Amino acid sequence: MGFDPDWEKTYASGTHLSVWPWSDIVSLVNRHCKPLITRGGGRVLELGCGAGANIPFFRALGMDYSAIEGSSTIVRQLHERYPDLADKIHIGDFTQEQPFQSDFDIVIDRASLTHNTTSSIRGALQMAFDSLQEGGIFIGTDWFSKNHTDFKGGEQSEDEFTRKNHTKGQFVGVGNVHFSDEPHLRNLFSKFEIIFMEEKLFRRHEPKDKHQFASWNIVARKPNA
């Protein structure tokens, strides 16, 4: 199972419409893709672009931007907002297909792959690996950690790392949610060279509900043959 239709319902209802570039994406691209930025240009593929929050950032860098997004509602809105990207933003399941020419310099994902099962994530990462040119960079942010409070919520889905049917918290109504630990991430990225990995932990003190948000950021390189 790849793209969950619950996300189409979410976007159609007008929620989850973030439009500002995600700070971790901006930071990691600037830190790990300096040669591309210095010379200008480069090709970037975003998996699950949502409402297009990262598009202005990559356009400002002069990069050739493409995206695969499962929600027809949000893709239609993006085509209206960016008519010059109408042939660059495709409706599709990024765990199953890649409609563009390969040899991308960067593949990015901000909290999209993490809303899939382990098998679907493996499929998406294989597609990302095949889409990158040698030395190309994969950047993933906000992959939820098993240290997240909501890992204990909902019920187990297809595998031990994936939960579904949350009845409270931030994951109500969004289908599958995947939670990783370090060994699992290293296994998922075994074909890549991991060059950066961090876990973010935020403990809530008010209200005093002991909630903890936890997620991973990862940067990985496709090795040269």
C-alpha atoms as a PDB file:
ATOM      1  CA  MET A   1       0.000   0.000   0.000  1.00  0.00           C
ATOM      2  CA  GLY A   2       1.382   3.389  -0.995  1.00  0.00           C
ATOM      3  CA  PHE A   3      -0.453   6.728  -1.076  1.00  0.00           C
ATOM      4  CA  ASP A   4      -3.223   6.736   1.516  1.00  0.00           C
ATOM      5  CA  PRO A   5      -6.515   8.288   0.266  1.00  0.00           C
ATOM      6  CA  ASP A   6      -6.939   9.848   3.713  1.00  0.00           C
ATOM      7  CA  TRP A   7      -4.442  12.480   2.553  1.00  0.00           C
ATOM      8  CA  GLU A   8      -6.651  13.415  -0.397  1.00  0.00           C
ATOM      9  CA  LYS A   9      -9.502  13.952   2.070  1.00  0.00           C
ATOM     10  CA  THR A  10      -7.211  16.025   4.279  1.00  0.00           C
ATOM     11  CA  TYR A  11      -6.103  18.336   1.470  1.00  0.00           C
ATOM     12  CA  ALA A  12      -9.602  18.578   0.019  1.00  0.00           C
ATOM     13  CA  SER A  13     -10.827  19.756   3.442  1.00  0.00           C
ATOM     14  CA  GLY A  14      -8.264  22.571   3.420  1.00  0.00           C
ATOM     15  CA  THR A  15      -5.988  21.322   6.207  1.00  0.00           C
ATOM     16  CA  HIS A  16      -2.222  20.585   6.280  1.00  0.00           C
ATOM     17  CA  LEU A  17      -1.651  23.443   3.834  1.00  0.00           C
ATOM     18  CA  SER A  18       1.847  24.537   4.895  1.00  0.00           C
ATOM     19  CA  VAL A  19       3.237  27.099   2.443  1.00  0.00           C
ATOM     20  CA  TRP A  20       6.529  28.220   4.035  1.00  0.00           C
ATOM     21  CA  PRO A  21       9.757  26.322   3.237  1.00  0.00           C
ATOM     22  CA  TRP A  22      10.622  23.873   6.001  1.00  0.00           C
ATOM     23  CA  SER A  23      13.632  25.158   7.936  1.00  0.00           C
ATOM     24  CA  ASP A  24      15.346  21.766   8.197  1.00  0.00           C
ATOM     25  CA  ILE A  25      15.158  21.321   4.414  1.00  0.00           C
ATOM     26  CA  VAL A  26      16.644  24.782   3.887  1.00  0.00           C
ATOM     27  CA  SER A  27      19.421  24.136   6.403  1.00  0.00           C
ATOM     28  CA  LEU A  28      20.380  20.680   5.138  1.00  0.00           C
ATOM     29  CA  VAL A  29      20.367  21.685   1.470  1.00  0.00           C
ATOM     30  CA  ASN A  30      22.576  24.673   2.221  1.00  0.00           C
ATOM     31  CA  ARG A  31      24.916  22.519   4.299  1.00  0.00           C
ATOM     32  CA  HIS A  32      25.224  19.441   2.101  1.00  0.00           C
ATOM     33  CA  CYS A  33      24.580  20.704  -1.438  1.00  0.00           C
ATOM     34  CA  LYS A  34      26.911  23.723  -1.556  1.00  0.00           C
ATOM     35  CA  PRO A  35      28.584  22.813  -4.870  1.00  0.00           C
ATOM     36  CA  LEU A  36      25.198  22.822  -6.608  1.00  0.00           C
ATOM     37  CA  ILE A  37      24.224  26.107  -5.009  1.00  0.00           C
ATOM     38  CA  THR A  38      27.577  27.692  -5.847  1.00  0.00           C
ATOM     39  CA  ARG A  39      27.433  26.873  -9.527  1.00  0.00           C
ATOM     40  CA  GLY A  40      23.653  27.353  -9.748  1.00  0.00           C
ATOM     41  CA  GLY A  41      21.153  24.969 -11.227  1.00  0.00           C
ATOM     42  CA  GLY A  42      20.784  21.286 -10.518  1.00  0.00           C
ATOM     43  CA  ARG A  43      17.783  18.996 -10.658  1.00  0.00           C
ATOM     44  CA  VAL A  44      15.689  18.283  -7.553  1.00  0.00           C
ATOM     45  CA  LEU A  45      12.846  15.806  -7.088  1.00  0.00           C
ATOM     46  CA  GLU A  46      10.483  16.143  -4.134  1.00  0.00           C
ATOM     47  CA  LEU A  47       8.512  13.126  -2.945  1.00  0.00           C
ATOM     48  CA  GLY A  48       5.145  14.212  -1.580  1.00  0.00           C
ATOM     49  CA  CYS A  49       5.351  17.965  -2.068  1.00  0.00           C
ATOM     50  CA  GLY A  50       2.024  18.657  -0.333  1.00  0.00           C
ATOM     51  CA  ALA A  51       0.981  22.293  -0.702  1.00  0.00           C
ATOM     52  CA  GLY A  52       4.355  23.201  -2.218  1.00  0.00           C
ATOM     53  CA  ALA A  53       6.061  24.745   0.795  1.00  0.00           C
ATOM     54  CA  ASN A  54       9.558  24.028  -0.564  1.00  0.00           C
ATOM     55  CA  ILE A  55       8.978  25.188  -4.139  1.00  0.00           C
ATOM     56  CA  PRO A  56       9.892  28.890  -3.587  1.00  0.00           C
ATOM     57  CA  PHE A  57      13.149  27.868  -1.914  1.00  0.00           C
ATOM     58  CA  PHE A  58      14.358  25.701  -4.788  1.00  0.00           C
ATOM     59  CA  ARG A  59      13.199  28.184  -7.401  1.00  0.00           C
ATOM     60  CA  ALA A  60      15.182  30.903  -5.606  1.00  0.00           C
ATOM     61  CA  LEU A  61      18.254  28.660  -5.917  1.00  0.00           C
ATOM     62  CA  GLY A  62      17.660  28.369  -9.663  1.00  0.00           C
ATOM     63  CA  MET A  63      17.091  24.619  -9.494  1.00  0.00           C
ATOM     64  CA  ASP A  64      15.030  22.562 -11.911  1.00  0.00           C
ATOM     65  CA  TYR A  65      12.203  21.396  -9.622  1.00  0.00           C
ATOM     66  CA  SER A  66       9.991  18.311 -10.079  1.00  0.00           C
ATOM     67  CA  ALA A  67       7.605  16.602  -7.663  1.00  0.00           C
ATOM     68  CA  ILE A  68       5.378  13.558  -7.264  1.00  0.00           C
ATOM     69  CA  GLU A  69       2.281  14.052  -5.117  1.00  0.00           C
ATOM     70  CA  GLY A  70      -0.619  11.674  -4.530  1.00  0.00           C
ATOM     71  CA  SER A  71      -3.362  14.232  -3.933  1.00  0.00           C
ATOM     72  CA  SER A  72      -5.100  15.361  -7.128  1.00  0.00           C
ATOM     73  CA  THR A  73      -6.650  18.267  -5.215  1.00  0.00           C
ATOM     74  CA  ILE A  74      -3.346  19.746  -4.127  1.00  0.00           C
ATOM     75  CA  VAL A  75      -1.660  19.119  -7.500  1.00  0.00           C
ATOM     76  CA  ARG A  76      -4.441  20.998  -9.247  1.00  0.00           C
ATOM     77  CA  GLN A  77      -3.929  23.935  -6.862  1.00  0.00           C
ATOM     78  CA  LEU A  78      -0.169  23.892  -7.466  1.00  0.00           C
ATOM     79  CA  HIS A  79      -0.674  23.898 -11.248  1.00  0.00           C
ATOM     80  CA  GLU A  80      -2.843  26.990 -10.845  1.00  0.00           C
ATOM     81  CA  ARG A  81      -0.261  28.689  -8.621  1.00  0.00           C
ATOM     82  CA  TYR A  82       2.756  27.636 -10.710  1.00  0.00           C
ATOM     83  CA  PRO A  83       1.557  27.170 -14.314  1.00  0.00           C
ATOM     84  CA  ASP A  84       5.150  26.874 -15.541  1.00  0.00           C
ATOM     85  CA  LEU A  85       5.517  23.733 -13.377  1.00  0.00           C
ATOM     86  CA  ALA A  86       2.409  22.009 -14.740  1.00  0.00           C
ATOM     87  CA  ASP A  87       4.519  19.357 -16.468  1.00  0.00           C
ATOM     88  CA  LYS A  88       6.888  19.083 -13.490  1.00  0.00           C
ATOM     89  CA  ILE A  89       4.424  18.303 -10.683  1.00  0.00           C
ATOM     90  CA  HIS A  90       2.750  14.944 -11.303  1.00  0.00           C
ATOM     91  CA  ILE A  91      -0.053  13.094  -9.556  1.00  0.00           C
ATOM     92  CA  GLY A  92       1.308   9.704  -8.600  1.00  0.00           C
ATOM     93  CA  ASP A  93       2.401   7.245  -5.936  1.00  0.00           C
ATOM     94  CA  PHE A  94       6.086   7.841  -5.221  1.00  0.00           C
ATOM     95  CA  THR A  95       6.390   4.357  -3.737  1.00  0.00           C
ATOM     96  CA  GLN A  96       5.436   2.849  -7.101  1.00  0.00           C
ATOM     97  CA  GLU A  97       6.445   5.150  -9.958  1.00  0.00           C
ATOM     98  CA  GLN A  98       8.780   7.903 -11.103  1.00  0.00           C
ATOM     99  CA  PRO A  99       7.478   9.659 -14.239  1.00  0.00           C
ATOM    100  CA  PHE A 100      10.533  11.824 -14.876  1.00  0.00           C
ATOM    101  CA  GLN A 101      13.911  11.360 -16.497  1.00  0.00           C
ATOM    102  CA  SER A 102      16.387  10.191 -13.849  1.00  0.00           C
ATOM    103  CA  ASP A 103      19.803  11.647 -12.932  1.00  0.00           C
ATOM    104  CA  PHE A 104      18.518  14.043 -10.285  1.00  0.00           C
ATOM    105  CA  ASP A 105      21.086  15.826  -8.136  1.00  0.00           C
ATOM    106  CA  ILE A 106      18.843  15.871  -5.058  1.00  0.00           C
ATOM    107  CA  VAL A 107      15.803  13.905  -3.910  1.00  0.00           C
ATOM    108  CA  ILE A 108      14.009  15.370  -0.902  1.00  0.00           C
ATOM    109  CA  ASP A 109      11.250  14.223   1.385  1.00  0.00           C
ATOM    110  CA  ARG A 110       9.749  16.133   4.257  1.00  0.00           C
ATOM    111  CA  ALA A 111       7.592  13.748   6.345  1.00  0.00           C
ATOM    112  CA  SER A 112       5.957  12.006   3.379  1.00  0.00           C
ATOM    113  CA  LEU A 113       7.722   8.630   3.239  1.00  0.00           C
ATOM    114  CA  THR A 114       7.180   8.287   6.974  1.00  0.00           C
ATOM    115  CA  HIS A 115       3.434   7.987   6.357  1.00  0.00           C
ATOM    116  CA  ASN A 116       3.897   4.580   4.725  1.00  0.00           C
ATOM    117  CA  THR A 117       4.611   1.000   5.726  1.00  0.00           C
ATOM    118  CA  THR A 118       8.127  -0.399   5.761  1.00  0.00           C
ATOM    119  CA  SER A 119       7.669  -2.206   2.442  1.00  0.00           C
ATOM    120  CA  SER A 120       6.385   0.951   0.743  1.00  0.00           C
ATOM    121  CA  ILE A 121       9.254   2.994   2.161  1.00  0.00           C
ATOM    122  CA  ARG A 122      11.748   0.477   0.809  1.00  0.00           C
ATOM    123  CA  GLY A 123      10.119   0.798  -2.602  1.00  0.00           C
ATOM    124  CA  ALA A 124      10.256   4.595  -2.465  1.00  0.00           C
ATOM    125  CA  LEU A 125      13.914   4.597  -1.400  1.00  0.00           C
ATOM    126  CA  GLN A 126      14.829   2.205  -4.212  1.00  0.00           C
ATOM    127  CA  MET A 127      13.096   4.523  -6.659  1.00  0.00           C
ATOM    128  CA  ALA A 128      14.925   7.507  -5.148  1.00  0.00           C
ATOM    129  CA  PHE A 129      18.248   5.666  -5.383  1.00  0.00           C
ATOM    130  CA  ASP A 130      17.629   4.827  -9.057  1.00  0.00           C
ATOM    131  CA  SER A 131      16.574   8.430  -9.755  1.00  0.00           C
ATOM    132  CA  LEU A 132      19.778   9.964  -8.399  1.00  0.00           C
ATOM    133  CA  GLN A 133      22.928  10.350 -10.403  1.00  0.00           C
ATOM    134  CA  GLU A 134      26.111   8.985  -8.808  1.00  0.00           C
ATOM    135  CA  GLY A 135      27.056  11.200  -5.891  1.00  0.00           C
ATOM    136  CA  GLY A 136      23.488  12.543  -5.704  1.00  0.00           C
ATOM    137  CA  ILE A 137      21.993  13.427  -2.337  1.00  0.00           C
ATOM    138  CA  PHE A 138      18.829  12.211  -0.601  1.00  0.00           C
ATOM    139  CA  ILE A 139      17.526  14.471   2.171  1.00  0.00           C
ATOM    140  CA  GLY A 140      14.736  13.272   4.456  1.00  0.00           C
ATOM    141  CA  THR A 141      13.359  15.280   7.375  1.00  0.00           C
ATOM    142  CA  ASP A 142      10.828  14.631  10.114  1.00  0.00           C
ATOM    143  CA  TRP A 143      10.801  10.851   9.863  1.00  0.00           C
ATOM    144  CA  PHE A 144       9.032   9.993  13.093  1.00  0.00           C
ATOM    145  CA  SER A 145      11.032   8.217  15.781  1.00  0.00           C
ATOM    146  CA  LYS A 146       9.995   5.308  17.992  1.00  0.00           C
ATOM    147  CA  ASN A 147      10.690   7.723  20.857  1.00  0.00           C
ATOM    148  CA  HIS A 148       7.623   9.716  19.787  1.00  0.00           C
ATOM    149  CA  THR A 149       4.823   9.402  22.344  1.00  0.00           C
ATOM    150  CA  ASP A 150       2.331   8.452  19.629  1.00  0.00           C
ATOM    151  CA  PHE A 151       4.325   5.329  18.697  1.00  0.00           C
ATOM    152  CA  LYS A 152       2.352   3.730  21.516  1.00  0.00           C
ATOM    153  CA  GLY A 153      -0.967   4.953  20.106  1.00  0.00           C
ATOM    154  CA  GLY A 154      -3.269   3.522  17.474  1.00  0.00           C
ATOM    155  CA  GLU A 155      -2.759  -0.076  16.409  1.00  0.00           C
ATOM    156  CA  GLN A 156      -0.064  -1.976  14.540  1.00  0.00           C
ATOM    157  CA  SER A 157      -0.375  -1.872  10.768  1.00  0.00           C
ATOM    158  CA  GLU A 158       1.531  -4.067   8.323  1.00  0.00           C
ATOM    159  CA  ASP A 159       4.725  -4.245  10.386  1.00  0.00           C
ATOM    160  CA  GLU A 160       6.157  -3.465  13.819  1.00  0.00           C
ATOM    161  CA  PHE A 161       7.311   0.030  12.821  1.00  0.00           C
ATOM    162  CA  THR A 162       3.990   1.203  11.373  1.00  0.00           C
ATOM    163  CA  ARG A 163       0.908   2.309  13.322  1.00  0.00           C
ATOM    164  CA  LYS A 164      -2.565   3.285  12.116  1.00  0.00           C
ATOM    165  CA  ASN A 165      -5.997   4.361  13.367  1.00  0.00           C
ATOM    166  CA  HIS A 166      -4.783   6.835  15.957  1.00  0.00           C
ATOM    167  CA  THR A 167      -7.694   8.188  17.988  1.00  0.00           C
ATOM    168  CA  LYS A 168      -5.826  11.108  19.563  1.00  0.00           C
ATOM    169  CA  GLY A 169      -2.730  13.214  18.939  1.00  0.00           C
ATOM    170  CA  GLN A 170      -1.324  14.614  15.703  1.00  0.00           C
ATOM    171  CA  PHE A 171      -1.913  11.481  13.618  1.00  0.00           C
ATOM    172  CA  VAL A 172      -5.701  11.254  13.756  1.00  0.00           C
ATOM    173  CA  GLY A 173      -7.109  10.711  10.262  1.00  0.00           C
ATOM    174  CA  VAL A 174      -3.799  10.359   8.390  1.00  0.00           C
ATOM    175  CA  GLY A 175      -3.616   6.582   7.962  1.00  0.00           C
ATOM    176  CA  ASN A 176      -0.269   4.819   8.338  1.00  0.00           C
ATOM    177  CA  VAL A 177       2.501   6.403  10.393  1.00  0.00           C
ATOM    178  CA  HIS A 178       5.975   4.861  10.389  1.00  0.00           C
ATOM    179  CA  PHE A 179       8.279   5.178  13.414  1.00  0.00           C
ATOM    180  CA  SER A 180      12.011   4.412  13.057  1.00  0.00           C
ATOM    181  CA  ASP A 181      14.934   3.745  15.345  1.00  0.00           C
ATOM    182  CA  GLU A 182      18.590   4.068  14.333  1.00  0.00           C
ATOM    183  CA  PRO A 183      19.234   0.409  13.349  1.00  0.00           C
ATOM    184  CA  HIS A 184      16.064   0.393  11.248  1.00  0.00           C
ATOM    185  CA  LEU A 185      17.075   3.590   9.437  1.00  0.00           C
ATOM    186  CA  ARG A 186      20.535   2.238   8.717  1.00  0.00           C
ATOM    187  CA  ASN A 187      18.949  -0.877   7.278  1.00  0.00           C
ATOM    188  CA  LEU A 188      16.544   1.124   5.099  1.00  0.00           C
ATOM    189  CA  PHE A 189      19.442   3.203   3.747  1.00  0.00           C
ATOM    190  CA  SER A 190      21.876   0.320   3.325  1.00  0.00           C
ATOM    191  CA  LYS A 191      22.433   1.097  -0.373  1.00  0.00           C
ATOM    192  CA  PHE A 192      23.325   4.709   0.421  1.00  0.00           C
ATOM    193  CA  GLU A 193      26.236   6.276   2.219  1.00  0.00           C
ATOM    194  CA  ILE A 194      24.746   8.021   5.243  1.00  0.00           C
ATOM    195  CA  ILE A 195      26.540  11.322   5.762  1.00  0.00           C
ATOM    196  CA  PHE A 196      24.281  12.928   8.393  1.00  0.00           C
ATOM    197  CA  MET A 197      21.722  11.596  10.855  1.00  0.00           C
ATOM    198  CA  GLU A 198      20.113  13.309  13.827  1.00  0.00           C
ATOM    199  CA  GLU A 199      17.196  12.642  16.130  1.00  0.00           C
ATOM    200  CA  LYS A 200      15.164  15.597  17.386  1.00  0.00           C
ATOM    201  CA  LEU A 201      13.411  15.313  20.750  1.00  0.00           C
ATOM    202  CA  PHE A 202      10.947  17.869  22.096  1.00  0.00           C
ATOM    203  CA  ARG A 203       9.386  17.315  25.531  1.00  0.00           C
ATOM    204  CA  ARG A 204       6.231  19.218  26.349  1.00  0.00           C
ATOM    205  CA  HIS A 205       6.156  20.892  29.743  1.00  0.00           C
ATOM    206  CA  GLU A 206       2.843  22.742  29.426  1.00  0.00           C
ATOM    207  CA  PRO A 207       0.313  21.263  29.469  1.00  0.00           C
ATOM    208  CA  LYS A 208       1.808  18.618  31.730  1.00  0.00           C
ATOM    209  CA  ASP A 209       0.834  15.613  29.611  1.00  0.00           C
ATOM    210  CA  LYS A 210       4.374  14.181  29.254  1.00  0.00           C
ATOM    211  CA  HIS A 211       4.081  14.297  25.462  1.00  0.00           C
ATOM    212  CA  GLN A 212       7.314  13.919  23.487  1.00  0.00           C
ATOM    213  CA  PHE A 213       7.749  14.693  19.806  1.00  0.00           C
ATOM    214  CA  ALA A 214      10.639  12.781  18.229  1.00  0.00           C
ATOM    215  CA  SER A 215      11.788  12.585  14.621  1.00  0.00           C
ATOM    216  CA  TRP A 216      14.830  11.905  12.459  1.00  0.00           C
ATOM    217  CA  ASN A 217      16.634  13.953   9.814  1.00  0.00           C
ATOM    218  CA  ILE A 218      18.874  12.051   7.432  1.00  0.00           C
ATOM    219  CA  VAL A 219      21.174  12.919   4.540  1.00  0.00           C
ATOM    220  CA  ALA A 220      22.482  10.094   2.357  1.00  0.00           C
ATOM    221  CA  ARG A 221      24.602   9.938  -0.796  1.00  0.00           C
ATOM    222  CA  LYS A 222      24.355   7.558  -3.731  1.00  0.00           C
ATOM    223  CA  PRO A 223      27.872   6.088  -3.979  1.00  0.00           C
ATOM    224  CA  ASN A 224      29.931   6.378  -7.115  1.00  0.00           C
ATOM    225  CA  ALA A 225      30.184   3.119  -9.007  1.00  0.00           C
END
